Amino acid sequence: MAQQYASKQPAGFKNRIENIAIVGAGGQVGKFVVAALLAKNTFKVTAISRSGSTNQPAPGVHIASVNYDDPSTIVEALKGQDVLIITMSVHAPPGQSETLIRAAATAGVPWVLPNEFGGDGTNKQLGRDAIIGPAKEKDRDLIEELGKSSWVSIACSFWYEYSLAGPGSYGIDIAKREVVFFDEGTQKINTSTWPQTGRGVAEVLSLPILPEDEKDTSTTLSNYRNRYVYISSFALSQRDMFASVKRVTGTTDADWNISSVPSKQRYEDSIKKMQQGDRIGFVHAMYTRHFYPEDSGLYEAKHGLDNEKLGLPKEDLDEFTAERTSARLGDWRQGLETQISKDNDDSR
């Protein structure tokens, strides 16, 4: 698409985003996205919610009730929206994203942030190995095929707080004082906090849509049309994470049961468990694959980061580690199942 300029648009053209619809407004990352959007005081935010859902978004968010069995209700809710943000669990009902994307196209929504909020989708082999990549690629392709909306995907990698709290996700079980390093535990990956992810979305959507004219070289939303926004809170190895955990807990190596396993062996074993119906096998396979010593989840090495362009702050690692070690999610497995059920309830 040839570069367009705001000064050459028809009368009445708005060079900014005003109306934003979000699916999963009360979910894990959704509530942080909503909080960051509301903090801007420039957006009208609408939560797309299943009729009868008991999930309540933050004050100041309009609720549009829809029936997923009747896509016309979604189309009606999306009319006049500048952006649709989709945040749902990977365990949401099959076809849910497609229904929303098609409704957005019918309603003429110009921008869609699909259900990504993860790794680098341009790394297709990693996406396939981590299982969730093909479905996300399908969503992006559908948006382009329909030709009514443009997509902007947020590459933020795994959420640090959630992943650190989950025993085995980053290989650190805080409650049991156990650590399993994948290989030597030195491979770095990108990871982001929930607040940083929310800020990233709000900052991208606060950009002017188009440059004013040929002389305007500032960053605009159109720079990210059908592209990824790469953000990150930290680039960390397991050993970096473990060092932070030890600092905030006042422990030493002697207080922990430390072991290691080849990353590829752990991945293959986890795939087998997943195939036997063990949901945690899926989680372990997805995480472990990003720590491979080659073709890893350190996307900043290939793409750089957009943090500076978006004015995102530097964060304190130990602050977020302390948040997880002092107020863990309780039984993480039960918490995972509860969240999946909640996300499914909101998106059905």
Protein backbone atom coordinates (compact mmCIF):
# COMPACT_ATOMS: atom_id res chain seq x y z
CA MET A 1 0.00 0.00 0.00
CA ALA A 2 1.38 3.40 -1.02
CA GLN A 3 2.16 5.81 1.81
CA GLN A 4 -0.80 8.00 2.67
CA TYR A 5 -0.74 11.38 4.43
CA ALA A 6 -3.23 12.99 6.78
CA SER A 7 -3.10 16.30 4.89
CA LYS A 8 -4.36 14.61 1.75
CA GLN A 9 -7.32 12.80 3.31
CA PRO A 10 -10.94 13.84 2.72
CA ALA A 11 -12.54 16.44 4.97
CA GLY A 12 -13.60 15.02 8.30
CA PHE A 13 -10.71 12.53 8.46
CA LYS A 14 -9.62 11.81 12.06
CA ASN A 15 -5.92 11.16 12.40
CA ARG A 16 -6.27 9.44 15.75
CA ILE A 17 -7.95 6.46 17.36
CA GLU A 18 -10.97 7.26 19.50
CA ASN A 19 -13.25 4.22 19.81
CA ILE A 20 -11.80 0.91 20.95
CA ALA A 21 -13.62 -2.38 21.43
CA ILE A 22 -11.96 -5.15 23.43
CA VAL A 23 -12.80 -8.80 23.95
CA GLY A 24 -11.60 -10.16 27.29
CA ALA A 25 -11.59 -6.80 29.07
CA GLY A 26 -11.56 -8.47 32.48
CA GLY A 27 -9.05 -11.18 31.59
CA GLN A 28 -5.41 -11.63 32.53
CA VAL A 29 -3.87 -9.13 30.15
CA GLY A 30 -7.15 -7.51 29.12
CA LYS A 31 -7.61 -5.70 32.40
CA PHE A 32 -4.12 -4.19 32.14
CA VAL A 33 -4.78 -3.11 28.55
CA VAL A 34 -8.04 -1.49 29.65
CA ALA A 35 -6.34 0.26 32.58
CA ALA A 36 -3.66 1.70 30.29
CA LEU A 37 -6.23 2.85 27.73
CA LEU A 38 -8.39 4.54 30.37
CA ALA A 39 -5.32 6.27 31.83
CA LYS A 40 -4.88 8.09 28.52
CA ASN A 41 -8.27 9.81 28.92
CA THR A 42 -8.59 9.96 25.14
CA PHE A 43 -10.38 6.72 24.28
CA LYS A 44 -13.92 5.44 24.55
CA VAL A 45 -13.51 1.79 25.50
CA THR A 46 -16.21 -0.82 24.90
CA ALA A 47 -16.06 -4.35 26.31
CA ILE A 48 -17.52 -6.95 23.96
CA SER A 49 -19.13 -9.41 26.34
CA ARG A 50 -21.26 -12.51 25.93
CA SER A 51 -24.89 -11.94 26.91
CA GLY A 52 -25.35 -13.16 30.45
CA SER A 53 -21.66 -12.98 31.35
CA THR A 54 -21.00 -12.03 34.97
CA ASN A 55 -17.56 -10.59 34.21
CA GLN A 56 -17.47 -6.88 34.98
CA PRO A 57 -14.90 -4.60 33.32
CA ALA A 58 -13.41 -1.55 35.00
CA PRO A 59 -15.56 1.51 35.71
CA GLY A 60 -15.71 3.79 32.69
CA VAL A 61 -15.89 0.93 30.19
CA HIS A 62 -19.06 0.60 28.14
CA ILE A 63 -20.44 -2.94 27.81
CA ALA A 64 -21.82 -4.29 24.54
CA SER A 65 -23.53 -7.64 25.01
CA VAL A 66 -23.36 -10.04 22.07
CA ASN A 67 -24.51 -13.52 21.12
CA TYR A 68 -21.74 -15.52 19.46
CA ASP A 69 -24.35 -17.77 17.87
CA ASP A 70 -25.67 -14.68 16.08
CA PRO A 71 -22.70 -12.85 14.52
CA SER A 72 -24.94 -9.95 13.51
CA THR A 73 -24.99 -8.91 17.18
CA ILE A 74 -21.19 -8.67 17.12
CA VAL A 75 -21.27 -6.68 13.90
CA GLU A 76 -23.73 -4.25 15.46
CA ALA A 77 -21.54 -3.87 18.56
CA LEU A 78 -18.49 -3.13 16.39
CA LYS A 79 -20.03 -0.49 14.17
CA GLY A 80 -18.26 2.83 14.64
CA GLN A 81 -15.26 1.26 16.37
CA ASP A 82 -11.79 2.28 15.22
CA VAL A 83 -10.06 -0.75 16.73
CA LEU A 84 -10.95 -4.26 17.88
CA ILE A 85 -8.58 -5.78 20.45
CA ILE A 86 -8.94 -9.53 20.98
CA THR A 87 -7.54 -11.00 24.21
CA MET A 88 -8.59 -14.57 24.91
CA SER A 89 -7.13 -17.73 26.36
CA VAL A 90 -5.52 -20.15 23.92
CA HIS A 91 -8.19 -22.53 25.19
CA ALA A 92 -11.08 -20.35 24.04
CA PRO A 93 -13.66 -22.11 21.83
CA PRO A 94 -12.34 -22.95 18.34
CA GLY A 95 -13.32 -20.44 15.70
CA GLN A 96 -13.93 -17.62 18.16
CA SER A 97 -11.24 -15.36 16.72
CA GLU A 98 -12.48 -16.00 13.17
CA THR A 99 -16.01 -15.01 14.15
CA LEU A 100 -14.74 -11.74 15.63
CA ILE A 101 -12.44 -10.96 12.70
CA ARG A 102 -15.21 -11.52 10.17
CA ALA A 103 -17.58 -9.37 12.21
CA ALA A 104 -14.97 -6.61 12.36
CA ALA A 105 -14.60 -6.70 8.59
CA THR A 106 -18.36 -6.55 8.07
CA ALA A 107 -18.64 -3.64 10.50
CA GLY A 108 -15.79 -1.81 8.77
CA VAL A 109 -13.41 -1.71 11.74
CA PRO A 110 -10.14 -0.41 10.24
CA TRP A 111 -7.72 -1.88 12.80
CA VAL A 112 -7.60 -5.25 14.60
CA LEU A 113 -5.17 -6.33 17.30
CA PRO A 114 -5.61 -10.10 16.99
CA ASN A 115 -5.28 -12.61 19.78
CA GLU A 116 -1.48 -12.66 19.79
CA PHE A 117 0.23 -11.14 22.86
CA GLY A 118 3.05 -13.65 22.68
CA GLY A 119 6.12 -14.44 20.65
CA ASP A 120 7.45 -13.39 17.27
CA GLY A 121 5.00 -14.65 14.67
CA THR A 122 7.55 -14.18 11.89
CA ASN A 123 9.49 -17.09 13.42
CA LYS A 124 7.19 -19.73 11.96
CA GLN A 125 9.20 -22.76 13.01
CA LEU A 126 9.18 -21.66 16.64
CA GLY A 127 5.45 -20.98 16.37
CA ARG A 128 4.75 -24.44 14.98
CA ASP A 129 6.89 -26.15 17.61
CA ALA A 130 5.24 -24.11 20.36
CA ILE A 131 1.88 -25.32 18.96
CA ILE A 132 -0.04 -22.04 19.00
CA GLY A 133 1.68 -20.36 16.04
CA PRO A 134 -0.39 -21.72 13.11
CA ALA A 135 -3.73 -20.57 14.56
CA LYS A 136 -2.41 -17.05 15.05
CA GLU A 137 -0.99 -16.98 11.53
CA LYS A 138 -4.38 -18.07 10.22
CA ASP A 139 -6.02 -15.10 11.97
CA ARG A 140 -3.58 -12.62 10.46
CA ASP A 141 -4.02 -14.12 7.00
CA LEU A 142 -7.81 -13.91 7.33
CA ILE A 143 -7.67 -10.21 8.21
CA GLU A 144 -5.61 -9.50 5.11
CA GLU A 145 -7.78 -11.75 2.94
CA LEU A 146 -10.98 -9.97 3.95
CA GLY A 147 -9.29 -6.69 3.06
CA LYS A 148 -11.35 -4.45 5.34
CA SER A 149 -9.05 -4.18 8.36
CA SER A 150 -5.33 -3.99 9.04
CA TRP A 151 -3.74 -5.96 11.84
CA VAL A 152 -1.19 -4.92 14.44
CA SER A 153 0.20 -7.75 16.55
CA ILE A 154 1.87 -7.33 19.92
CA ALA A 155 5.01 -9.40 20.44
CA CYS A 156 5.54 -9.30 24.20
CA SER A 157 6.53 -12.94 24.77
CA PHE A 158 5.42 -14.68 27.97
CA TRP A 159 4.12 -12.58 30.86
CA TYR A 160 6.79 -12.55 33.52
CA GLU A 161 4.60 -12.50 36.64
CA TYR A 162 2.34 -15.33 35.46
CA SER A 163 5.20 -17.44 34.15
CA LEU A 164 7.34 -17.08 37.25
CA ALA A 165 4.41 -18.08 39.45
CA GLY A 166 3.75 -21.20 37.40
CA PRO A 167 5.90 -24.10 38.63
CA GLY A 168 7.81 -25.44 35.67
CA SER A 169 6.99 -22.65 33.23
CA TYR A 170 10.29 -20.88 33.71
CA GLY A 171 11.66 -23.93 35.50
CA ILE A 172 11.45 -22.32 38.94
CA ASP A 173 9.05 -23.68 41.56
CA ILE A 174 9.11 -21.06 44.29
CA ALA A 175 6.87 -22.94 46.71
CA LYS A 176 8.94 -26.13 46.56
CA ARG A 177 12.29 -24.32 46.27
CA GLU A 178 13.14 -26.32 43.17
CA VAL A 179 14.86 -25.17 39.97
CA VAL A 180 15.24 -27.11 36.73
CA PHE A 181 17.60 -25.44 34.28
CA PHE A 182 17.04 -26.16 30.61
CA ASP A 183 20.52 -27.01 29.35
CA GLU A 184 22.80 -24.65 31.30
CA GLY A 185 20.05 -22.15 32.06
CA THR A 186 21.90 -19.38 30.24
CA GLN A 187 19.74 -18.89 27.11
CA LYS A 188 17.98 -15.52 27.29
CA ILE A 189 14.45 -14.86 26.08
CA ASN A 190 12.28 -11.76 26.06
CA THR A 191 9.56 -11.52 28.70
CA SER A 192 7.09 -8.76 29.58
CA THR A 193 5.04 -7.75 32.59
CA TRP A 194 1.29 -7.28 32.34
CA PRO A 195 1.53 -3.50 32.96
CA GLN A 196 4.19 -3.09 30.25
CA THR A 197 2.03 -5.00 27.77
CA GLY A 198 -0.94 -2.79 28.57
CA ARG A 199 1.16 0.34 28.18
CA GLY A 200 2.50 -0.92 24.88
CA VAL A 201 -1.00 -1.30 23.46
CA ALA A 202 -2.10 2.12 24.73
CA GLU A 203 0.97 3.85 23.33
CA VAL A 204 0.67 2.25 19.90
CA LEU A 205 -2.99 3.25 19.67
CA SER A 206 -2.15 6.79 20.81
CA LEU A 207 0.07 7.36 17.77
CA PRO A 208 -1.22 9.47 14.87
CA ILE A 209 -2.66 7.13 12.28
CA LEU A 210 -0.83 8.74 9.34
CA PRO A 211 2.10 11.14 8.98
CA GLU A 212 0.91 14.67 8.37
CA ASP A 213 2.81 15.08 5.09
CA GLU A 214 5.95 14.00 3.22
CA LYS A 215 8.18 15.85 5.70
CA ASP A 216 6.70 14.14 8.77
CA THR A 217 9.08 11.37 9.88
CA SER A 218 7.50 10.69 13.28
CA THR A 219 6.30 7.21 14.23
CA THR A 220 2.67 6.57 13.30
CA LEU A 221 0.22 3.73 13.63
CA SER A 222 0.50 3.15 9.90
CA ASN A 223 4.16 2.20 10.43
CA TYR A 224 2.83 -0.94 12.13
CA ARG A 225 0.18 -1.82 9.55
CA ASN A 226 0.16 -5.62 9.17
CA ARG A 227 3.31 -5.78 11.27
CA TYR A 228 4.47 -6.65 14.76
CA VAL A 229 5.15 -4.27 17.62
CA TYR A 230 8.09 -5.70 19.57
CA ILE A 231 8.06 -4.83 23.25
CA SER A 232 9.75 -6.36 26.27
CA SER A 233 10.30 -5.72 29.93
CA PHE A 234 13.40 -7.86 30.29
CA ALA A 235 15.74 -10.13 28.34
CA LEU A 236 16.46 -12.88 30.84
CA SER A 237 17.94 -16.33 31.19
CA GLN A 238 16.68 -18.77 33.78
CA ARG A 239 19.78 -18.00 35.82
CA ASP A 240 18.93 -14.29 35.70
CA MET A 241 15.44 -15.05 36.97
CA PHE A 242 16.76 -17.37 39.67
CA ALA A 243 19.22 -14.73 40.85
CA SER A 244 16.32 -12.27 41.24
CA VAL A 245 14.26 -14.84 43.14
CA LYS A 246 17.16 -15.46 45.52
CA ARG A 247 17.60 -11.74 46.10
CA VAL A 248 13.99 -11.08 47.02
CA THR A 249 13.65 -14.25 49.13
CA GLY A 250 17.00 -13.87 50.87
CA THR A 251 18.00 -17.41 49.91
CA THR A 252 21.12 -18.99 48.45
CA ASP A 253 21.75 -21.99 46.22
CA ALA A 254 21.99 -24.13 49.33
CA ASP A 255 18.30 -23.50 50.03
CA TRP A 256 17.20 -24.87 46.65
CA ASN A 257 17.09 -28.23 44.93
CA ILE A 258 18.83 -27.45 41.63
CA SER A 259 18.92 -29.76 38.60
CA SER A 260 19.13 -29.50 34.82
CA VAL A 261 17.73 -31.24 31.75
CA PRO A 262 18.47 -30.88 28.04
CA SER A 263 15.90 -28.47 26.62
CA LYS A 264 15.12 -30.67 23.63
CA GLN A 265 14.56 -33.69 25.86
CA ARG A 266 12.20 -31.71 28.11
CA TYR A 267 10.32 -30.44 25.07
CA GLU A 268 9.89 -33.91 23.58
CA ASP A 269 8.82 -35.40 26.92
CA SER A 270 6.31 -32.58 27.38
CA ILE A 271 4.82 -33.17 23.92
CA LYS A 272 4.24 -36.81 24.84
CA LYS A 273 2.50 -35.77 28.07
CA MET A 274 0.33 -33.32 26.16
CA GLN A 275 -0.67 -36.04 23.72
CA GLN A 276 -1.73 -38.14 26.71
CA GLY A 277 -4.07 -35.38 27.84
CA ASP A 278 -1.85 -33.66 30.41
CA ARG A 279 -2.54 -29.92 30.02
CA ILE A 280 0.65 -29.00 31.84
CA GLY A 281 2.54 -30.93 29.17
CA PHE A 282 1.33 -28.35 26.67
CA VAL A 283 2.48 -25.50 28.92
CA HIS A 284 5.92 -27.01 29.49
CA ALA A 285 6.43 -27.77 25.79
CA MET A 286 5.48 -24.23 24.78
CA TYR A 287 7.81 -22.60 27.29
CA THR A 288 10.75 -24.96 26.91
CA ARG A 289 10.84 -24.54 23.13
CA HIS A 290 11.54 -20.82 23.56
CA PHE A 291 14.70 -21.63 25.54
CA TYR A 292 16.38 -23.66 22.82
CA PRO A 293 20.02 -22.56 22.46
CA GLU A 294 19.29 -21.69 18.82
CA ASP A 295 16.14 -20.19 17.29
CA SER A 296 15.01 -19.02 20.72
CA GLY A 297 12.46 -16.56 22.01
CA LEU A 298 14.97 -13.68 22.15
CA TYR A 299 13.33 -11.73 19.34
CA GLU A 300 15.04 -8.46 20.19
CA ALA A 301 18.25 -9.94 18.77
CA LYS A 302 16.63 -10.08 15.32
CA HIS A 303 14.11 -7.26 15.33
CA GLY A 304 15.18 -4.85 18.06
CA LEU A 305 12.51 -3.38 20.32
CA ASP A 306 9.93 -0.63 19.94
CA ASN A 307 10.10 0.32 23.63
CA GLU A 308 11.94 3.58 23.05
CA LYS A 309 9.75 4.66 20.13
CA LEU A 310 6.69 4.14 22.33
CA GLY A 311 8.17 5.76 25.41
CA LEU A 312 7.87 2.62 27.52
CA PRO A 313 9.60 2.79 30.91
CA LYS A 314 12.38 0.57 32.16
CA GLU A 315 11.12 -1.69 34.90
CA ASP A 316 12.63 -3.12 38.06
CA LEU A 317 13.03 -6.88 37.78
CA ASP A 318 13.13 -7.55 41.52
CA GLU A 319 9.93 -5.55 42.03
CA PHE A 320 7.97 -7.92 39.82
CA THR A 321 9.76 -10.97 41.17
CA ALA A 322 8.82 -9.90 44.69
CA GLU A 323 5.20 -9.49 43.62
CA ARG A 324 5.09 -13.14 42.54
CA THR A 325 7.05 -14.59 45.45
CA SER A 326 5.10 -12.75 48.16
CA ALA A 327 1.66 -13.09 46.62
CA ARG A 328 1.72 -16.22 44.50
CA LEU A 329 -1.33 -17.51 42.69
CA GLY A 330 -1.88 -20.28 45.21
CA ASP A 331 -2.36 -23.61 43.49
CA TRP A 332 -1.16 -22.61 40.02
CA ARG A 333 -2.71 -25.58 38.26
CA GLN A 334 -6.09 -24.77 39.76
CA GLY A 335 -5.57 -21.13 38.88
CA LEU A 336 -4.85 -22.07 35.28
CA GLU A 337 -8.04 -24.11 35.04
CA THR A 338 -10.05 -21.31 36.66
CA GLN A 339 -8.69 -18.72 34.22
CA ILE A 340 -9.40 -20.94 31.23
CA SER A 341 -12.97 -21.38 32.42
CA LYS A 342 -13.34 -17.62 32.97
CA ASP A 343 -11.94 -16.74 29.56
CA ASN A 344 -14.18 -19.26 27.86
CA ASP A 345 -17.22 -17.92 29.69
CA ASP A 346 -16.48 -14.37 28.56
CA SER A 347 -15.80 -15.34 24.93
CA ARG A 348 -18.55 -17.84 24.23
